[in-house]
mmCIF file of all heavy atoms, coordinates in Angstrom:
data_MODEL
# 
_entry.id   MODEL 
# 
loop_
_atom_site.group_PDB 
_atom_site.id 
_atom_site.type_symbol 
_atom_site.label_atom_id 
_atom_site.label_alt_id 
_atom_site.label_comp_id 
_atom_site.label_asym_id 
_atom_site.label_entity_id 
_atom_site.label_seq_id 
_atom_site.pdbx_PDB_ins_code 
_atom_site.Cartn_x 
_atom_site.Cartn_y 
_atom_site.Cartn_z 
_atom_site.occupancy 
_atom_site.B_iso_or_equiv 
_atom_site.pdbx_formal_charge 
_atom_site.auth_seq_id 
_atom_site.auth_comp_id 
_atom_site.auth_asym_id 
_atom_site.auth_atom_id 
_atom_site.pdbx_PDB_model_num 
ATOM 1   N N   . GLN A 1 1  ? 90.478  97.106  84.100 1.00 0.00 ? 1  GLN A N   1 
ATOM 2   C CA  . GLN A 1 1  ? 90.468  98.563  84.135 1.00 0.00 ? 1  GLN A CA  1 
ATOM 3   C C   . GLN A 1 1  ? 91.788  99.198  83.723 1.00 0.00 ? 1  GLN A C   1 
ATOM 4   O O   . GLN A 1 1  ? 92.903  98.639  84.100 1.00 0.00 ? 1  GLN A O   1 
ATOM 5   C CB  . GLN A 1 1  ? 90.094  98.935  85.558 1.00 0.00 ? 1  GLN A CB  1 
ATOM 6   C CG  . GLN A 1 1  ? 88.709  98.652  85.939 1.00 0.00 ? 1  GLN A CG  1 
ATOM 7   C CD  . GLN A 1 1  ? 88.449  99.055  87.399 1.00 0.00 ? 1  GLN A CD  1 
ATOM 8   O OE1 . GLN A 1 1  ? 89.301  98.975  88.252 1.00 0.00 ? 1  GLN A OE1 1 
ATOM 9   N NE2 . GLN A 1 1  ? 87.317  99.535  87.620 1.00 0.00 ? 1  GLN A NE2 1 
ATOM 10  N N   . LEU A 1 2  ? 91.627  100.342 83.124 1.00 0.00 ? 2  LEU A N   1 
ATOM 11  C CA  . LEU A 1 2  ? 92.792  101.198 82.844 1.00 0.00 ? 2  LEU A CA  1 
ATOM 12  C C   . LEU A 1 2  ? 93.053  101.968 84.196 1.00 0.00 ? 2  LEU A C   1 
ATOM 13  O O   . LEU A 1 2  ? 92.111  102.431 84.753 1.00 0.00 ? 2  LEU A O   1 
ATOM 14  C CB  . LEU A 1 2  ? 92.643  102.217 81.718 1.00 0.00 ? 2  LEU A CB  1 
ATOM 15  C CG  . LEU A 1 2  ? 93.637  103.232 81.483 1.00 0.00 ? 2  LEU A CG  1 
ATOM 16  C CD1 . LEU A 1 2  ? 94.904  102.623 81.015 1.00 0.00 ? 2  LEU A CD1 1 
ATOM 17  C CD2 . LEU A 1 2  ? 93.054  104.296 80.500 1.00 0.00 ? 2  LEU A CD2 1 
ATOM 18  N N   . VAL A 1 3  ? 94.304  102.122 84.598 1.00 0.00 ? 3  VAL A N   1 
ATOM 19  C CA  . VAL A 1 3  ? 94.622  102.783 85.840 1.00 0.00 ? 3  VAL A CA  1 
ATOM 20  C C   . VAL A 1 3  ? 95.696  103.827 85.501 1.00 0.00 ? 3  VAL A C   1 
ATOM 21  O O   . VAL A 1 3  ? 96.655  103.566 84.909 1.00 0.00 ? 3  VAL A O   1 
ATOM 22  C CB  . VAL A 1 3  ? 95.065  101.813 86.888 1.00 0.00 ? 3  VAL A CB  1 
ATOM 23  C CG1 . VAL A 1 3  ? 95.333  102.583 88.175 1.00 0.00 ? 3  VAL A CG1 1 
ATOM 24  C CG2 . VAL A 1 3  ? 94.142  100.655 87.062 1.00 0.00 ? 3  VAL A CG2 1 
ATOM 25  N N   . LEU A 1 4  ? 95.455  105.060 86.031 1.00 0.00 ? 4  LEU A N   1 
ATOM 26  C CA  . LEU A 1 4  ? 96.337  106.147 85.943 1.00 0.00 ? 4  LEU A CA  1 
ATOM 27  C C   . LEU A 1 4  ? 96.799  106.565 87.319 1.00 0.00 ? 4  LEU A C   1 
ATOM 28  O O   . LEU A 1 4  ? 95.977  107.040 88.160 1.00 0.00 ? 4  LEU A O   1 
ATOM 29  C CB  . LEU A 1 4  ? 95.604  107.298 85.198 1.00 0.00 ? 4  LEU A CB  1 
ATOM 30  C CG  . LEU A 1 4  ? 94.946  106.994 83.897 1.00 0.00 ? 4  LEU A CG  1 
ATOM 31  C CD1 . LEU A 1 4  ? 94.123  108.166 83.410 1.00 0.00 ? 4  LEU A CD1 1 
ATOM 32  C CD2 . LEU A 1 4  ? 96.036  106.524 82.835 1.00 0.00 ? 4  LEU A CD2 1 
ATOM 33  N N   . TYR A 1 5  ? 98.093  106.380 87.581 1.00 0.00 ? 5  TYR A N   1 
ATOM 34  C CA  . TYR A 1 5  ? 98.659  106.562 88.928 1.00 0.00 ? 5  TYR A CA  1 
ATOM 35  C C   . TYR A 1 5  ? 99.129  107.951 89.078 1.00 0.00 ? 5  TYR A C   1 
ATOM 36  O O   . TYR A 1 5  ? 99.972  108.365 88.398 1.00 0.00 ? 5  TYR A O   1 
ATOM 37  C CB  . TYR A 1 5  ? 99.788  105.595 89.162 1.00 0.00 ? 5  TYR A CB  1 
ATOM 38  C CG  . TYR A 1 5  ? 99.275  104.156 89.196 1.00 0.00 ? 5  TYR A CG  1 
ATOM 39  C CD1 . TYR A 1 5  ? 99.288  103.416 88.020 1.00 0.00 ? 5  TYR A CD1 1 
ATOM 40  C CD2 . TYR A 1 5  ? 98.832  103.538 90.267 1.00 0.00 ? 5  TYR A CD2 1 
ATOM 41  C CE1 . TYR A 1 5  ? 98.884  102.094 87.902 1.00 0.00 ? 5  TYR A CE1 1 
ATOM 42  C CE2 . TYR A 1 5  ? 98.443  102.133 90.220 1.00 0.00 ? 5  TYR A CE2 1 
ATOM 43  C CZ  . TYR A 1 5  ? 98.453  101.419 88.986 1.00 0.00 ? 5  TYR A CZ  1 
ATOM 44  O OH  . TYR A 1 5  ? 97.922  100.151 89.020 1.00 0.00 ? 5  TYR A OH  1 
ATOM 45  N N   . TYR A 1 6  ? 98.657  108.600 90.201 1.00 0.00 ? 6  TYR A N   1 
ATOM 46  C CA  . TYR A 1 6  ? 99.136  109.900 90.475 1.00 0.00 ? 6  TYR A CA  1 
ATOM 47  C C   . TYR A 1 6  ? 99.972  109.862 91.809 1.00 0.00 ? 6  TYR A C   1 
ATOM 48  O O   . TYR A 1 6  ? 100.569 110.852 92.208 1.00 0.00 ? 6  TYR A O   1 
ATOM 49  C CB  . TYR A 1 6  ? 98.114  111.014 90.543 1.00 0.00 ? 6  TYR A CB  1 
ATOM 50  C CG  . TYR A 1 6  ? 96.909  110.832 91.502 1.00 0.00 ? 6  TYR A CG  1 
ATOM 51  C CD1 . TYR A 1 6  ? 96.995  111.274 92.800 1.00 0.00 ? 6  TYR A CD1 1 
ATOM 52  C CD2 . TYR A 1 6  ? 95.827  110.182 91.053 1.00 0.00 ? 6  TYR A CD2 1 
ATOM 53  C CE1 . TYR A 1 6  ? 95.871  111.145 93.653 1.00 0.00 ? 6  TYR A CE1 1 
ATOM 54  C CE2 . TYR A 1 6  ? 94.742  109.964 91.879 1.00 0.00 ? 6  TYR A CE2 1 
ATOM 55  C CZ  . TYR A 1 6  ? 94.688  110.526 93.120 1.00 0.00 ? 6  TYR A CZ  1 
ATOM 56  O OH  . TYR A 1 6  ? 93.680  110.382 93.997 1.00 0.00 ? 6  TYR A OH  1 
ATOM 57  N N   . ARG A 1 7  ? 99.991  108.636 92.425 1.00 0.00 ? 7  ARG A N   1 
ATOM 58  C CA  . ARG A 1 7  ? 100.887 108.512 93.609 1.00 0.00 ? 7  ARG A CA  1 
ATOM 59  C C   . ARG A 1 7  ? 101.420 107.101 93.364 1.00 0.00 ? 7  ARG A C   1 
ATOM 60  O O   . ARG A 1 7  ? 100.935 106.186 92.724 1.00 0.00 ? 7  ARG A O   1 
ATOM 61  C CB  . ARG A 1 7  ? 100.041 108.455 94.808 1.00 0.00 ? 7  ARG A CB  1 
ATOM 62  C CG  . ARG A 1 7  ? 99.638  109.838 95.240 1.00 0.00 ? 7  ARG A CG  1 
ATOM 63  C CD  . ARG A 1 7  ? 99.162  109.958 96.708 1.00 0.00 ? 7  ARG A CD  1 
ATOM 64  N NE  . ARG A 1 7  ? 98.991  111.256 97.129 1.00 0.00 ? 7  ARG A NE  1 
ATOM 65  C CZ  . ARG A 1 7  ? 97.818  111.983 96.913 1.00 0.00 ? 7  ARG A CZ  1 
ATOM 66  N NH1 . ARG A 1 7  ? 96.800  111.411 96.345 1.00 0.00 ? 7  ARG A NH1 1 
ATOM 67  N NH2 . ARG A 1 7  ? 97.697  113.217 97.305 1.00 0.00 ? 7  ARG A NH2 1 
ATOM 68  N N   . ASP A 1 8  ? 102.603 106.843 94.035 1.00 0.00 ? 8  ASP A N   1 
ATOM 69  C CA  . ASP A 1 8  ? 103.221 105.494 94.078 1.00 0.00 ? 8  ASP A CA  1 
ATOM 70  C C   . ASP A 1 8  ? 102.349 104.562 94.913 1.00 0.00 ? 8  ASP A C   1 
ATOM 71  O O   . ASP A 1 8  ? 101.755 105.063 95.847 1.00 0.00 ? 8  ASP A O   1 
ATOM 72  C CB  . ASP A 1 8  ? 104.605 105.479 94.811 1.00 0.00 ? 8  ASP A CB  1 
ATOM 73  C CG  . ASP A 1 8  ? 105.643 106.241 93.945 1.00 0.00 ? 8  ASP A CG  1 
ATOM 74  O OD1 . ASP A 1 8  ? 105.363 106.703 92.861 1.00 0.00 ? 8  ASP A OD1 1 
ATOM 75  O OD2 . ASP A 1 8  ? 106.812 106.387 94.444 1.00 0.00 ? 8  ASP A OD2 1 
ATOM 76  N N   . VAL A 1 9  ? 102.236 103.359 94.456 1.00 0.00 ? 9  VAL A N   1 
ATOM 77  C CA  . VAL A 1 9  ? 101.430 102.374 95.224 1.00 0.00 ? 9  VAL A CA  1 
ATOM 78  C C   . VAL A 1 9  ? 102.296 101.084 95.379 1.00 0.00 ? 9  VAL A C   1 
ATOM 79  O O   . VAL A 1 9  ? 103.099 100.785 94.663 1.00 0.00 ? 9  VAL A O   1 
ATOM 80  C CB  . VAL A 1 9  ? 100.027 102.073 94.632 1.00 0.00 ? 9  VAL A CB  1 
ATOM 81  C CG1 . VAL A 1 9  ? 99.134  103.262 94.434 1.00 0.00 ? 9  VAL A CG1 1 
ATOM 82  C CG2 . VAL A 1 9  ? 100.307 101.462 93.134 1.00 0.00 ? 9  VAL A CG2 1 
ATOM 83  N N   . PRO A 1 10 ? 101.957 100.315 96.392 1.00 0.00 ? 10 PRO A N   1 
ATOM 84  C CA  . PRO A 1 10 ? 102.768 99.166  96.649 1.00 0.00 ? 10 PRO A CA  1 
ATOM 85  C C   . PRO A 1 10 ? 102.500 98.069  95.644 1.00 0.00 ? 10 PRO A C   1 
ATOM 86  O O   . PRO A 1 10 ? 101.433 98.056  94.929 1.00 0.00 ? 10 PRO A O   1 
ATOM 87  C CB  . PRO A 1 10 ? 102.314 98.617  98.045 1.00 0.00 ? 10 PRO A CB  1 
ATOM 88  C CG  . PRO A 1 10 ? 101.114 99.445  98.411 1.00 0.00 ? 10 PRO A CG  1 
ATOM 89  C CD  . PRO A 1 10 ? 101.022 100.609 97.481 1.00 0.00 ? 10 PRO A CD  1 
ATOM 90  N N   . TYR A 1 11 ? 103.306 97.077  95.587 1.00 0.00 ? 11 TYR A N   1 
ATOM 91  C CA  . TYR A 1 11 ? 103.092 95.881  94.686 1.00 0.00 ? 11 TYR A CA  1 
ATOM 92  C C   . TYR A 1 11 ? 101.755 95.283  94.916 1.00 0.00 ? 11 TYR A C   1 
ATOM 93  O O   . TYR A 1 11 ? 101.252 95.057  96.018 1.00 0.00 ? 11 TYR A O   1 
ATOM 94  C CB  . TYR A 1 11 ? 104.238 94.921  94.931 1.00 0.00 ? 11 TYR A CB  1 
ATOM 95  C CG  . TYR A 1 11 ? 104.054 93.642  94.137 1.00 0.00 ? 11 TYR A CG  1 
ATOM 96  C CD1 . TYR A 1 11 ? 104.574 93.527  92.955 1.00 0.00 ? 11 TYR A CD1 1 
ATOM 97  C CD2 . TYR A 1 11 ? 103.250 92.561  94.636 1.00 0.00 ? 11 TYR A CD2 1 
ATOM 98  C CE1 . TYR A 1 11 ? 104.346 92.285  92.178 1.00 0.00 ? 11 TYR A CE1 1 
ATOM 99  C CE2 . TYR A 1 11 ? 103.081 91.400  93.931 1.00 0.00 ? 11 TYR A CE2 1 
ATOM 100 C CZ  . TYR A 1 11 ? 103.644 91.290  92.651 1.00 0.00 ? 11 TYR A CZ  1 
ATOM 101 O OH  . TYR A 1 11 ? 103.393 90.172  91.971 1.00 0.00 ? 11 TYR A OH  1 
ATOM 102 N N   . ALA A 1 12 ? 101.104 94.921  93.777 1.00 0.00 ? 12 ALA A N   1 
ATOM 103 C CA  . ALA A 1 12 ? 99.913  94.088  93.918 1.00 0.00 ? 12 ALA A CA  1 
ATOM 104 C C   . ALA A 1 12 ? 99.893  93.224  92.750 1.00 0.00 ? 12 ALA A C   1 
ATOM 105 O O   . ALA A 1 12 ? 100.231 93.556  91.600 1.00 0.00 ? 12 ALA A O   1 
ATOM 106 C CB  . ALA A 1 12 ? 98.728  94.978  93.892 1.00 0.00 ? 12 ALA A CB  1 
ATOM 107 N N   . ASP A 1 13 ? 99.361  91.871  92.902 1.00 0.00 ? 13 ASP A N   1 
ATOM 108 C CA  . ASP A 1 13 ? 99.178  91.042  91.791 1.00 0.00 ? 13 ASP A CA  1 
ATOM 109 C C   . ASP A 1 13 ? 98.181  91.602  90.913 1.00 0.00 ? 13 ASP A C   1 
ATOM 110 O O   . ASP A 1 13 ? 97.184  92.231  91.325 1.00 0.00 ? 13 ASP A O   1 
ATOM 111 C CB  . ASP A 1 13 ? 98.713  89.677  92.279 1.00 0.00 ? 13 ASP A CB  1 
ATOM 112 C CG  . ASP A 1 13 ? 99.814  88.926  93.042 1.00 0.00 ? 13 ASP A CG  1 
ATOM 113 O OD1 . ASP A 1 13 ? 101.009 89.175  92.789 1.00 0.00 ? 13 ASP A OD1 1 
ATOM 114 O OD2 . ASP A 1 13 ? 99.426  87.952  93.798 1.00 0.00 ? 13 ASP A OD2 1 
ATOM 115 N N   . GLY A 1 14 ? 98.183  91.279  89.604 1.00 0.00 ? 14 GLY A N   1 
ATOM 116 C CA  . GLY A 1 14 ? 97.210  91.681  88.641 1.00 0.00 ? 14 GLY A CA  1 
ATOM 117 C C   . GLY A 1 14 ? 97.473  92.942  87.920 1.00 0.00 ? 14 GLY A C   1 
ATOM 118 O O   . GLY A 1 14 ? 96.809  93.277  86.971 1.00 0.00 ? 14 GLY A O   1 
ATOM 119 N N   . ILE A 1 15 ? 98.498  93.801  88.312 1.00 0.00 ? 15 ILE A N   1 
ATOM 120 C CA  . ILE A 1 15 ? 98.746  95.023  87.746 1.00 0.00 ? 15 ILE A CA  1 
ATOM 121 C C   . ILE A 1 15 ? 99.798  94.809  86.683 1.00 0.00 ? 15 ILE A C   1 
ATOM 122 O O   . ILE A 1 15 ? 100.844 94.222  86.880 1.00 0.00 ? 15 ILE A O   1 
ATOM 123 C CB  . ILE A 1 15 ? 99.391  96.064  88.704 1.00 0.00 ? 15 ILE A CB  1 
ATOM 124 C CG1 . ILE A 1 15 ? 98.281  96.329  89.812 1.00 0.00 ? 15 ILE A CG1 1 
ATOM 125 C CG2 . ILE A 1 15 ? 99.750  97.308  88.030 1.00 0.00 ? 15 ILE A CG2 1 
ATOM 126 C CD1 . ILE A 1 15 ? 98.841  97.204  90.879 1.00 0.00 ? 15 ILE A CD1 1 
ATOM 127 N N   . VAL A 1 16 ? 99.528  95.347  85.410 1.00 0.00 ? 16 VAL A N   1 
ATOM 128 C CA  . VAL A 1 16 ? 100.516 95.292  84.312 1.00 0.00 ? 16 VAL A CA  1 
ATOM 129 C C   . VAL A 1 16 ? 100.682 96.725  83.972 1.00 0.00 ? 16 VAL A C   1 
ATOM 130 O O   . VAL A 1 16 ? 99.778  97.496  83.630 1.00 0.00 ? 16 VAL A O   1 
ATOM 131 C CB  . VAL A 1 16 ? 99.862  94.533  83.165 1.00 0.00 ? 16 VAL A CB  1 
ATOM 132 C CG1 . VAL A 1 16 ? 100.788 94.607  81.977 1.00 0.00 ? 16 VAL A CG1 1 
ATOM 133 C CG2 . VAL A 1 16 ? 99.413  93.137  83.559 1.00 0.00 ? 16 VAL A CG2 1 
ATOM 134 N N   . ILE A 1 17 ? 101.990 97.201  84.010 1.00 0.00 ? 17 ILE A N   1 
ATOM 135 C CA  . ILE A 1 17 ? 102.374 98.566  83.600 1.00 0.00 ? 17 ILE A CA  1 
ATOM 136 C C   . ILE A 1 17 ? 102.379 98.586  82.094 1.00 0.00 ? 17 ILE A C   1 
ATOM 137 O O   . ILE A 1 17 ? 102.990 97.797  81.322 1.00 0.00 ? 17 ILE A O   1 
ATOM 138 C CB  . ILE A 1 17 ? 103.806 98.894  84.098 1.00 0.00 ? 17 ILE A CB  1 
ATOM 139 C CG1 . ILE A 1 17 ? 103.890 98.745  85.717 1.00 0.00 ? 17 ILE A CG1 1 
ATOM 140 C CG2 . ILE A 1 17 ? 104.191 100.323 83.680 1.00 0.00 ? 17 ILE A CG2 1 
ATOM 141 C CD1 . ILE A 1 17 ? 102.866 99.612  86.421 1.00 0.00 ? 17 ILE A CD1 1 
ATOM 142 N N   . LEU A 1 18 ? 101.609 99.611  81.638 1.00 0.00 ? 18 LEU A N   1 
ATOM 143 C CA  . LEU A 1 18 ? 101.455 99.843  80.101 1.00 0.00 ? 18 LEU A CA  1 
ATOM 144 C C   . LEU A 1 18 ? 102.368 100.858 79.657 1.00 0.00 ? 18 LEU A C   1 
ATOM 145 O O   . LEU A 1 18 ? 102.810 100.877 78.481 1.00 0.00 ? 18 LEU A O   1 
ATOM 146 C CB  . LEU A 1 18 ? 100.042 100.268 79.815 1.00 0.00 ? 18 LEU A CB  1 
ATOM 147 C CG  . LEU A 1 18 ? 98.861  99.340  80.217 1.00 0.00 ? 18 LEU A CG  1 
ATOM 148 C CD1 . LEU A 1 18 ? 97.530  99.966  79.931 1.00 0.00 ? 18 LEU A CD1 1 
ATOM 149 C CD2 . LEU A 1 18 ? 99.073  97.957  79.505 1.00 0.00 ? 18 LEU A CD2 1 
ATOM 150 N N   . GLY A 1 19 ? 102.721 101.873 80.449 1.00 0.00 ? 19 GLY A N   1 
ATOM 151 C CA  . GLY A 1 19 ? 103.560 102.953 80.083 1.00 0.00 ? 19 GLY A CA  1 
ATOM 152 C C   . GLY A 1 19 ? 103.708 104.040 81.155 1.00 0.00 ? 19 GLY A C   1 
ATOM 153 O O   . GLY A 1 19 ? 103.416 103.711 82.298 1.00 0.00 ? 19 GLY A O   1 
ATOM 154 N N   . HIS A 1 20 ? 104.195 105.175 80.734 1.00 0.00 ? 20 HIS A N   1 
ATOM 155 C CA  . HIS A 1 20 ? 104.452 106.172 81.710 1.00 0.00 ? 20 HIS A CA  1 
ATOM 156 C C   . HIS A 1 20 ? 104.325 107.567 81.073 1.00 0.00 ? 20 HIS A C   1 
ATOM 157 O O   . HIS A 1 20 ? 104.521 107.761 79.868 1.00 0.00 ? 20 HIS A O   1 
ATOM 158 C CB  . HIS A 1 20 ? 105.894 106.113 82.240 1.00 0.00 ? 20 HIS A CB  1 
ATOM 159 C CG  . HIS A 1 20 ? 106.200 106.873 83.470 1.00 0.00 ? 20 HIS A CG  1 
ATOM 160 N ND1 . HIS A 1 20 ? 105.841 106.395 84.716 1.00 0.00 ? 20 HIS A ND1 1 
ATOM 161 C CD2 . HIS A 1 20 ? 106.809 108.055 83.737 1.00 0.00 ? 20 HIS A CD2 1 
ATOM 162 C CE1 . HIS A 1 20 ? 106.212 107.220 85.598 1.00 0.00 ? 20 HIS A CE1 1 
ATOM 163 N NE2 . HIS A 1 20 ? 106.780 108.289 85.029 1.00 0.00 ? 20 HIS A NE2 1 
ATOM 164 N N   . LEU A 1 21 ? 104.000 108.576 81.910 1.00 0.00 ? 21 LEU A N   1 
ATOM 165 C CA  . LEU A 1 21 ? 103.927 110.004 81.412 1.00 0.00 ? 21 LEU A CA  1 
ATOM 166 C C   . LEU A 1 21 ? 105.311 110.388 81.043 1.00 0.00 ? 21 LEU A C   1 
ATOM 167 O O   . LEU A 1 21 ? 106.340 110.050 81.649 1.00 0.00 ? 21 LEU A O   1 
ATOM 168 C CB  . LEU A 1 21 ? 103.449 110.818 82.499 1.00 0.00 ? 21 LEU A CB  1 
ATOM 169 C CG  . LEU A 1 21 ? 102.052 110.630 82.990 1.00 0.00 ? 21 LEU A CG  1 
ATOM 170 C CD1 . LEU A 1 21 ? 101.621 111.510 84.154 1.00 0.00 ? 21 LEU A CD1 1 
ATOM 171 C CD2 . LEU A 1 21 ? 101.075 110.748 81.936 1.00 0.00 ? 21 LEU A CD2 1 
ATOM 172 N N   . ALA A 1 22 ? 105.374 111.270 79.991 1.00 0.00 ? 22 ALA A N   1 
ATOM 173 C CA  . ALA A 1 22 ? 106.682 111.706 79.539 1.00 0.00 ? 22 ALA A CA  1 
ATOM 174 C C   . ALA A 1 22 ? 107.371 112.716 80.593 1.00 0.00 ? 22 ALA A C   1 
ATOM 175 O O   . ALA A 1 22 ? 108.543 112.806 80.702 1.00 0.00 ? 22 ALA A O   1 
ATOM 176 C CB  . ALA A 1 22 ? 106.558 112.470 78.203 1.00 0.00 ? 22 ALA A CB  1 
ATOM 177 N N   . ASP A 1 23 ? 106.536 113.481 81.302 1.00 0.00 ? 23 ASP A N   1 
ATOM 178 C CA  . ASP A 1 23 ? 107.102 114.445 82.195 1.00 0.00 ? 23 ASP A CA  1 
ATOM 179 C C   . ASP A 1 23 ? 106.364 114.187 83.659 1.00 0.00 ? 23 ASP A C   1 
ATOM 180 O O   . ASP A 1 23 ? 105.134 114.393 83.752 1.00 0.00 ? 23 ASP A O   1 
ATOM 181 C CB  . ASP A 1 23 ? 106.738 115.811 81.746 1.00 0.00 ? 23 ASP A CB  1 
ATOM 182 C CG  . ASP A 1 23 ? 107.410 116.878 82.605 1.00 0.00 ? 23 ASP A CG  1 
ATOM 183 O OD1 . ASP A 1 23 ? 107.835 116.644 83.776 1.00 0.00 ? 23 ASP A OD1 1 
ATOM 184 O OD2 . ASP A 1 23 ? 107.544 118.046 82.113 1.00 0.00 ? 23 ASP A OD2 1 
ATOM 185 N N   . ASP A 1 24 ? 107.089 113.729 84.602 1.00 0.00 ? 24 ASP A N   1 
ATOM 186 C CA  . ASP A 1 24 ? 106.541 113.396 85.910 1.00 0.00 ? 24 ASP A CA  1 
ATOM 187 C C   . ASP A 1 24 ? 105.972 114.666 86.492 1.00 0.00 ? 24 ASP A C   1 
ATOM 188 O O   . ASP A 1 24 ? 105.051 114.395 87.418 1.00 0.00 ? 24 ASP A O   1 
ATOM 189 C CB  . ASP A 1 24 ? 107.629 112.844 86.794 1.00 0.00 ? 24 ASP A CB  1 
ATOM 190 C CG  . ASP A 1 24 ? 108.015 111.399 86.462 1.00 0.00 ? 24 ASP A CG  1 
ATOM 191 O OD1 . ASP A 1 24 ? 107.187 110.752 85.870 1.00 0.00 ? 24 ASP A OD1 1 
ATOM 192 O OD2 . ASP A 1 24 ? 109.147 111.017 86.840 1.00 0.00 ? 24 ASP A OD2 1 
# 
């Protein structure tokens, strides 16, 4: 799954960061 984070979340195995919004 693609995941779009709108809150910080704790570390979890299996998550790969793909990128980030230009403006928080």
